[in-house]
Protein backbone atom coordinates (compact mmCIF):
# COMPACT_ATOMS: atom_id res chain seq x y z
CA MET A 1 0.00 0.00 0.00
CA ASP A 2 1.63 3.25 -1.18
CA VAL A 3 1.16 6.65 0.41
CA LEU A 4 1.11 9.89 -1.57
CA VAL A 5 3.52 12.59 -0.34
CA LEU A 6 2.43 16.21 -0.78
CA ASN A 7 4.72 19.19 -0.52
CA ALA A 8 3.92 21.85 2.08
CA ASP A 9 2.02 23.79 -0.64
CA LEU A 10 -0.12 20.66 -1.32
CA GLY A 11 1.59 19.88 -4.63
CA PRO A 12 2.16 16.15 -5.25
CA LEU A 13 5.78 15.00 -4.93
CA HIS A 14 5.88 11.20 -5.07
CA ARG A 15 4.68 7.98 -3.48
CA VAL A 16 6.38 6.13 -0.65
CA SER A 17 5.73 2.83 1.10
CA PHE A 18 3.35 2.76 4.05
CA ARG A 19 6.27 1.96 6.35
CA HIS A 20 8.29 4.94 5.04
CA ALA A 21 5.28 7.23 5.56
CA VAL A 22 4.96 6.12 9.19
CA ARG A 23 8.67 6.82 9.72
CA MET A 24 8.11 10.31 8.29
CA LEU A 25 5.31 10.87 10.80
CA VAL A 26 7.42 9.65 13.73
CA ARG A 27 10.32 11.93 12.71
CA ARG A 28 7.78 14.79 12.37
CA VAL A 29 8.88 15.49 8.80
CA ALA A 30 5.27 15.06 7.63
CA GLU A 31 1.70 15.22 8.93
CA VAL A 32 -1.29 13.08 8.01
CA HIS A 33 -3.33 14.89 5.35
CA GLU A 34 -5.76 12.04 4.63
CA SER A 35 -6.11 8.75 6.50
CA HIS A 36 -7.87 5.41 6.35
CA PRO A 37 -11.05 5.75 8.47
CA GLY A 38 -10.89 3.95 11.81
CA ARG A 39 -7.36 2.55 11.37
CA LEU A 40 -4.49 3.48 13.64
CA VAL A 41 -0.75 2.81 13.59
CA GLY A 42 0.27 3.34 17.20
CA THR A 43 -1.06 6.80 18.00
CA TYR A 44 -1.18 7.94 14.37
CA PRO A 45 -4.09 7.51 11.96
CA ALA A 46 -3.10 5.14 9.11
CA PRO A 47 -2.03 7.56 6.35
CA ARG A 48 -3.22 7.54 2.76
CA VAL A 49 -1.74 10.98 2.03
CA VAL A 50 0.93 12.82 4.04
CA ARG A 51 1.96 16.47 3.75
CA LEU A 52 5.51 17.66 4.39
CA VAL A 53 5.91 20.13 7.24
CA ASN A 54 8.54 22.19 5.39
CA TYR A 55 8.39 23.15 1.72
CA VAL A 56 10.86 21.31 -0.58
CA VAL A 57 12.05 23.21 -3.67
CA THR A 58 11.53 21.06 -6.75
CA ARG A 59 12.29 23.22 -9.75
CA TRP A 60 13.64 20.22 -11.67
CA ARG A 61 10.13 18.72 -11.73
CA HIS A 62 8.78 21.60 -13.83
CA SER A 63 11.54 21.57 -16.43
CA ARG A 64 10.71 18.12 -17.81
CA GLY A 65 8.37 15.22 -17.19
CA PRO A 66 9.08 12.15 -15.10
CA GLY A 67 11.71 9.69 -16.29
CA TRP A 68 10.60 6.41 -17.82
CA SER A 69 10.11 3.46 -15.52
CA ARG A 70 8.28 0.14 -15.67
CA ALA A 71 6.24 1.07 -12.57
CA GLY A 72 5.44 4.44 -14.17
CA VAL A 73 4.09 2.79 -17.34
CA LEU A 74 1.88 0.47 -15.27
CA ALA A 75 0.60 3.44 -13.24
CA ARG A 76 0.03 5.60 -16.35
CA ASP A 77 -2.08 2.84 -17.94
CA GLY A 78 -3.99 2.04 -14.75
CA ARG A 79 -2.47 -1.45 -14.61
CA ARG A 80 -4.69 -2.41 -17.57
CA CYS A 81 -3.49 -4.13 -20.72
CA GLY A 82 -3.14 -1.78 -23.67
CA TYR A 83 -4.37 -4.52 -26.00
CA CYS A 84 -7.29 -6.29 -24.25
CA GLY A 85 -8.03 -4.28 -21.10
CA ARG A 86 -7.39 -7.08 -18.61
CA PRO A 87 -5.16 -6.55 -15.55
CA ALA A 88 -1.56 -5.99 -16.65
CA SER A 89 1.57 -7.22 -14.95
CA THR A 90 4.27 -6.44 -17.49
CA VAL A 91 5.36 -3.79 -20.00
CA ASP A 92 5.40 -4.31 -23.77
CA HIS A 93 7.43 -2.36 -26.32
CA VAL A 94 5.31 -1.14 -29.26
CA LEU A 95 8.39 -1.25 -31.49
CA PRO A 96 10.21 -4.29 -30.08
CA ARG A 97 13.67 -3.82 -28.59
CA SER A 98 14.95 -6.45 -31.03
CA ARG A 99 14.12 -3.97 -33.81
CA GLY A 100 15.64 -0.91 -32.18
CA GLY A 101 12.77 0.06 -29.87
CA VAL A 102 13.77 1.91 -26.71
CA ASN A 103 12.47 2.27 -23.18
CA SER A 104 10.42 5.43 -23.59
CA TRP A 105 6.94 6.60 -22.66
CA SER A 106 5.80 6.67 -26.31
CA ASN A 107 7.12 3.15 -27.05
CA THR A 108 5.79 1.18 -24.06
CA VAL A 109 2.38 0.12 -22.82
CA ALA A 110 1.18 -2.03 -19.95
CA ALA A 111 0.32 -5.54 -21.07
CA CYS A 112 -1.01 -8.80 -19.65
CA GLY A 113 1.15 -11.88 -19.99
CA PRO A 114 -0.91 -13.59 -22.72
CA CYS A 115 -1.02 -10.48 -24.95
CA ASN A 116 2.68 -9.82 -24.44
CA GLN A 117 3.49 -13.42 -25.46
CA ARG A 118 1.10 -13.35 -28.41
CA LYS A 119 2.56 -10.10 -29.79
CA GLY A 120 6.14 -11.33 -29.41
CA ASP A 121 8.70 -9.36 -31.38
CA ARG A 122 6.21 -7.91 -33.87
CA THR A 123 4.58 -4.50 -34.07
CA PRO A 124 0.90 -4.23 -33.08
CA ALA A 125 -0.06 -3.94 -36.78
CA GLU A 126 1.91 -7.07 -37.71
CA ALA A 127 0.37 -9.00 -34.81
CA ARG A 128 -3.10 -7.62 -35.62
CA MET A 129 -3.42 -6.36 -32.07
CA PRO A 130 -4.54 -2.71 -32.12
CA LEU A 131 -3.69 -0.57 -29.13
CA ARG A 132 -6.62 0.66 -27.03
CA LEU A 133 -4.66 3.82 -26.08
CA THR A 134 -1.93 6.01 -27.48
CA PRO A 135 1.19 5.86 -25.29
CA ALA A 136 2.38 9.32 -24.23
CA SER A 137 4.56 10.87 -21.59
CA PRO A 138 2.52 11.54 -18.40
CA THR A 139 2.67 14.61 -16.20
CA TRP A 140 3.94 14.48 -12.60
CA SER A 141 0.44 15.00 -11.24
CA ALA A 142 -1.01 12.19 -13.40
CA LEU A 143 1.53 9.72 -11.97
CA ALA A 144 0.87 10.87 -8.42
CA ARG A 145 -2.78 9.89 -8.66
């Protein structure tokens, strides 16, 4: 269970593990902004969202979008397969790496195991598997949701 970390101005920063969020509360680096109703961790409400006590300058976040990551692709696509819509557990390259495809936001989609196997090292057109979405680079706020 991940916890969203907000800056002191309520702008989203990133997600951390539940355990890390509790450590932030104990160290008084953050406060609970939103919690799970009725659940406690010691004396603290179980956090869903924490807010930093002091503002952290993050100019680098506004200059470019987030870097590519497997977890980011799964989050961007809602953990749904880009081909069939079932729950996804892996990432597929639209232009396969064996043909020069790279790890980039515009070349990867979330995929379920069967669709990833079926597509193999072909393009979606060659495999007759149209994409349900157009892969694009997400914004920081879209990934934080």
